[in-house]
N, C-alpha and C. Protein backbone atom coordinates (compact mmCIF):
# COMPACT_ATOMS: atom_id res chain seq x y z
N MET A 1 2.59 24.72 -30.52
CA MET A 1 2.47 23.45 -29.84
C MET A 1 3.19 22.35 -30.61
N ARG A 2 3.01 22.38 -31.94
CA ARG A 2 3.67 21.36 -32.76
C ARG A 2 5.19 21.51 -32.71
N TYR A 3 5.63 22.76 -32.67
CA TYR A 3 7.07 23.00 -32.66
C TYR A 3 7.70 22.51 -31.36
N SER A 4 7.00 22.73 -30.25
CA SER A 4 7.56 22.26 -28.98
C SER A 4 7.57 20.74 -28.91
N PHE A 5 6.55 20.11 -29.49
CA PHE A 5 6.52 18.64 -29.51
C PHE A 5 7.64 18.11 -30.39
N ALA A 6 7.83 18.72 -31.55
CA ALA A 6 8.89 18.28 -32.46
C ALA A 6 10.26 18.52 -31.84
N ALA A 7 10.43 19.65 -31.16
CA ALA A 7 11.72 19.95 -30.54
C ALA A 7 12.03 18.96 -29.43
N SER A 8 11.02 18.63 -28.60
CA SER A 8 11.27 17.68 -27.51
C SER A 8 11.54 16.29 -28.06
N THR A 9 10.90 15.92 -29.18
CA THR A 9 11.16 14.62 -29.80
C THR A 9 12.59 14.56 -30.32
N LEU A 10 13.01 15.60 -31.02
CA LEU A 10 14.36 15.61 -31.56
C LEU A 10 15.42 15.63 -30.46
N LEU A 11 15.18 16.38 -29.41
CA LEU A 11 16.13 16.41 -28.30
C LEU A 11 16.19 15.07 -27.57
N GLY A 12 15.05 14.41 -27.46
CA GLY A 12 15.03 13.09 -26.84
C GLY A 12 15.80 12.08 -27.66
N LEU A 13 15.63 12.13 -28.97
CA LEU A 13 16.40 11.22 -29.83
C LEU A 13 17.88 11.54 -29.78
N ALA A 14 18.20 12.81 -29.76
CA ALA A 14 19.62 13.21 -29.72
C ALA A 14 20.27 12.76 -28.42
N ALA A 15 19.52 12.71 -27.34
CA ALA A 15 20.08 12.27 -26.07
C ALA A 15 20.19 10.75 -26.01
N ALA A 16 19.30 10.03 -26.68
CA ALA A 16 19.29 8.57 -26.58
C ALA A 16 20.23 7.90 -27.58
N LEU A 17 20.47 8.50 -28.72
CA LEU A 17 21.28 7.84 -29.75
C LEU A 17 22.73 7.59 -29.35
N PRO A 18 23.42 8.51 -28.68
CA PRO A 18 24.82 8.23 -28.34
C PRO A 18 25.01 7.09 -27.34
N GLN A 19 23.97 6.66 -26.69
CA GLN A 19 24.13 5.62 -25.68
C GLN A 19 24.32 4.25 -26.30
N ARG A 20 23.89 4.04 -27.51
CA ARG A 20 24.04 2.78 -28.24
C ARG A 20 23.60 1.59 -27.39
N ILE A 21 22.33 1.59 -27.04
CA ILE A 21 21.76 0.53 -26.20
C ILE A 21 21.71 -0.76 -27.03
N ASN A 22 22.18 -1.85 -26.47
CA ASN A 22 22.20 -3.14 -27.13
C ASN A 22 20.86 -3.84 -26.85
N ILE A 23 19.95 -3.74 -27.77
CA ILE A 23 18.60 -4.30 -27.60
C ILE A 23 18.67 -5.83 -27.57
N ASP A 24 19.51 -6.43 -28.40
CA ASP A 24 19.61 -7.90 -28.43
C ASP A 24 20.08 -8.45 -27.09
N ALA A 25 21.01 -7.77 -26.46
CA ALA A 25 21.48 -8.23 -25.15
C ALA A 25 20.40 -8.06 -24.09
N ALA A 26 19.64 -7.01 -24.19
CA ALA A 26 18.56 -6.81 -23.23
C ALA A 26 17.48 -7.86 -23.38
N LEU A 27 17.19 -8.25 -24.62
CA LEU A 27 16.18 -9.28 -24.85
C LEU A 27 16.69 -10.68 -24.50
N ALA A 28 18.00 -10.88 -24.50
CA ALA A 28 18.56 -12.19 -24.21
C ALA A 28 18.65 -12.49 -22.72
N VAL A 29 18.40 -11.52 -21.87
CA VAL A 29 18.47 -11.74 -20.43
C VAL A 29 17.33 -12.66 -20.02
N PRO A 30 17.64 -13.76 -19.32
CA PRO A 30 16.57 -14.69 -18.93
C PRO A 30 15.67 -14.10 -17.84
N THR A 31 14.43 -14.53 -17.84
CA THR A 31 13.49 -14.11 -16.81
C THR A 31 13.87 -14.78 -15.50
N PRO A 32 13.96 -14.05 -14.41
CA PRO A 32 14.35 -14.67 -13.14
C PRO A 32 13.29 -15.65 -12.66
N SER A 33 13.75 -16.69 -11.99
CA SER A 33 12.82 -17.71 -11.50
C SER A 33 12.27 -17.36 -10.13
N ILE A 34 12.72 -16.27 -9.54
CA ILE A 34 12.26 -15.89 -8.21
C ILE A 34 10.85 -15.31 -8.23
N LEU A 35 10.29 -15.15 -9.43
CA LEU A 35 8.96 -14.56 -9.54
C LEU A 35 7.88 -15.45 -8.94
N GLY A 36 8.14 -16.71 -8.78
CA GLY A 36 7.16 -17.60 -8.17
C GLY A 36 6.37 -18.37 -9.20
N PRO A 37 5.38 -19.14 -8.76
CA PRO A 37 4.62 -19.97 -9.70
C PRO A 37 3.68 -19.11 -10.54
N LYS A 38 3.21 -19.70 -11.62
CA LYS A 38 2.23 -19.02 -12.45
C LYS A 38 0.93 -18.88 -11.68
N ILE A 39 0.18 -17.86 -12.01
CA ILE A 39 -1.07 -17.61 -11.29
C ILE A 39 -2.08 -18.73 -11.52
N GLU A 40 -1.97 -19.40 -12.67
CA GLU A 40 -2.89 -20.50 -12.95
C GLU A 40 -2.62 -21.71 -12.06
N ASP A 41 -1.39 -21.85 -11.58
CA ASP A 41 -1.02 -23.00 -10.75
C ASP A 41 -1.43 -22.84 -9.29
N THR A 42 -1.77 -21.66 -8.88
CA THR A 42 -2.15 -21.44 -7.48
C THR A 42 -3.66 -21.53 -7.33
N LYS A 43 -4.10 -21.79 -6.12
CA LYS A 43 -5.54 -21.84 -5.87
C LYS A 43 -5.86 -20.78 -4.81
N PRO A 44 -7.07 -20.23 -4.85
CA PRO A 44 -7.41 -19.21 -3.87
C PRO A 44 -7.47 -19.78 -2.46
N ALA A 45 -7.17 -18.95 -1.49
CA ALA A 45 -7.18 -19.38 -0.09
C ALA A 45 -8.62 -19.59 0.39
N GLU A 46 -8.79 -20.58 1.20
CA GLU A 46 -10.10 -20.85 1.78
C GLU A 46 -10.40 -19.81 2.85
N PRO A 47 -11.67 -19.41 3.00
CA PRO A 47 -11.99 -18.43 4.06
C PRO A 47 -11.73 -19.03 5.43
N THR A 48 -11.24 -18.19 6.36
CA THR A 48 -10.90 -18.68 7.69
C THR A 48 -12.01 -18.39 8.69
N TYR A 49 -13.19 -18.07 8.21
CA TYR A 49 -14.32 -17.82 9.09
C TYR A 49 -15.55 -18.49 8.49
N ASN A 50 -16.58 -18.61 9.28
CA ASN A 50 -17.83 -19.20 8.83
C ASN A 50 -18.73 -18.07 8.35
N PRO A 51 -18.94 -17.92 7.04
CA PRO A 51 -19.74 -16.80 6.55
C PRO A 51 -21.20 -16.86 7.00
N THR A 52 -21.74 -18.04 7.18
CA THR A 52 -23.12 -18.16 7.63
C THR A 52 -23.27 -17.65 9.06
N ALA A 53 -22.34 -18.01 9.93
CA ALA A 53 -22.39 -17.54 11.31
C ALA A 53 -22.17 -16.03 11.38
N ALA A 54 -21.27 -15.50 10.57
CA ALA A 54 -21.02 -14.06 10.56
C ALA A 54 -22.26 -13.29 10.10
N ALA A 55 -22.94 -13.81 9.09
CA ALA A 55 -24.15 -13.14 8.60
C ALA A 55 -25.27 -13.18 9.62
N SER A 56 -25.38 -14.28 10.36
CA SER A 56 -26.44 -14.36 11.38
C SER A 56 -26.15 -13.42 12.54
N VAL A 57 -24.90 -13.25 12.91
CA VAL A 57 -24.54 -12.32 13.98
C VAL A 57 -24.87 -10.89 13.56
N VAL A 58 -24.55 -10.54 12.34
CA VAL A 58 -24.85 -9.20 11.85
C VAL A 58 -26.36 -8.98 11.79
N ALA A 59 -27.11 -10.00 11.38
CA ALA A 59 -28.56 -9.87 11.30
C ALA A 59 -29.16 -9.64 12.68
N THR A 60 -28.66 -10.32 13.71
CA THR A 60 -29.21 -10.11 15.05
C THR A 60 -28.87 -8.72 15.57
N VAL A 61 -27.67 -8.21 15.26
CA VAL A 61 -27.30 -6.86 15.69
C VAL A 61 -28.17 -5.83 15.00
N VAL A 62 -28.44 -6.01 13.73
CA VAL A 62 -29.29 -5.07 13.00
C VAL A 62 -30.71 -5.11 13.53
N GLU A 63 -31.20 -6.29 13.87
CA GLU A 63 -32.56 -6.40 14.41
C GLU A 63 -32.67 -5.73 15.78
N SER A 64 -31.64 -5.89 16.62
CA SER A 64 -31.73 -5.35 17.97
C SER A 64 -31.40 -3.86 18.02
N GLU A 65 -30.39 -3.43 17.29
CA GLU A 65 -29.94 -2.04 17.37
C GLU A 65 -30.37 -1.18 16.20
N GLY A 66 -30.76 -1.78 15.11
CA GLY A 66 -31.12 -1.04 13.92
C GLY A 66 -29.88 -0.67 13.12
N ILE A 67 -30.11 -0.05 12.00
CA ILE A 67 -28.98 0.34 11.16
C ILE A 67 -28.56 1.75 11.51
N ILE A 68 -27.32 2.06 11.24
CA ILE A 68 -26.79 3.40 11.49
C ILE A 68 -27.09 4.25 10.26
N GLN A 69 -27.75 5.37 10.48
CA GLN A 69 -28.08 6.25 9.37
C GLN A 69 -26.85 7.04 8.95
N LYS A 70 -26.71 7.22 7.67
CA LYS A 70 -25.61 8.01 7.15
C LYS A 70 -25.87 9.48 7.47
N ARG A 71 -24.80 10.17 7.90
CA ARG A 71 -24.96 11.58 8.22
C ARG A 71 -25.13 12.39 6.94
N ASP A 72 -25.98 13.37 7.00
CA ASP A 72 -26.17 14.26 5.87
C ASP A 72 -25.34 15.52 6.13
N ILE A 73 -24.59 15.95 5.16
CA ILE A 73 -23.72 17.10 5.39
C ILE A 73 -24.51 18.39 5.54
N PHE A 74 -25.75 18.40 5.07
CA PHE A 74 -26.55 19.62 5.16
C PHE A 74 -27.26 19.74 6.50
N THR A 75 -27.46 18.61 7.21
CA THR A 75 -28.13 18.67 8.51
C THR A 75 -27.14 18.95 9.64
N VAL A 76 -25.87 18.69 9.41
CA VAL A 76 -24.86 18.99 10.42
C VAL A 76 -24.66 20.49 10.41
N GLY A 77 -24.70 21.10 11.60
CA GLY A 77 -24.56 22.54 11.67
C GLY A 77 -23.16 23.00 11.30
N LYS A 78 -23.07 24.26 10.98
CA LYS A 78 -21.77 24.83 10.66
C LYS A 78 -20.91 24.84 11.91
N ARG A 79 -19.64 24.51 11.76
CA ARG A 79 -18.74 24.47 12.89
C ARG A 79 -17.66 25.52 12.71
N ASP A 80 -17.20 26.01 13.82
CA ASP A 80 -16.06 26.92 13.82
C ASP A 80 -14.79 26.08 13.85
N ALA A 81 -13.68 26.63 13.49
CA ALA A 81 -12.43 25.89 13.46
C ALA A 81 -12.01 25.42 14.85
N CYS A 82 -12.44 26.12 15.89
CA CYS A 82 -12.04 25.75 17.26
C CYS A 82 -13.05 24.82 17.94
N ASP A 83 -14.19 24.55 17.31
CA ASP A 83 -15.17 23.66 17.92
C ASP A 83 -14.63 22.24 17.96
N THR A 84 -15.13 21.45 18.91
CA THR A 84 -14.73 20.06 18.98
C THR A 84 -15.34 19.31 17.82
N GLN A 85 -14.60 18.35 17.30
CA GLN A 85 -15.07 17.57 16.17
C GLN A 85 -16.05 16.50 16.66
N PRO A 86 -17.04 16.13 15.84
CA PRO A 86 -17.97 15.09 16.25
C PRO A 86 -17.27 13.73 16.29
N LEU A 87 -17.79 12.84 17.10
CA LEU A 87 -17.18 11.53 17.22
C LEU A 87 -17.46 10.73 15.97
N GLY A 88 -16.50 9.95 15.56
CA GLY A 88 -16.67 9.07 14.43
C GLY A 88 -16.33 9.73 13.18
């Protein structure tokens, strides 16, 4: 394992050294201004709905219809590949 790691490291270095990458030129490239404003300068968007009204609507639906029970995988019978799939 150590030999394969050492061999891959040496081969990687051997492949990268002849390229003579200019690190100073890469670091001198200015950051593009198209990135937009800093995240600190922006403010979060206001909600476009009334959360109190939405919660009251959900509460009335739960009171009238009840909550939907989660299906248990053990209570659902075994199905054949050709059987119709359950809705939902």
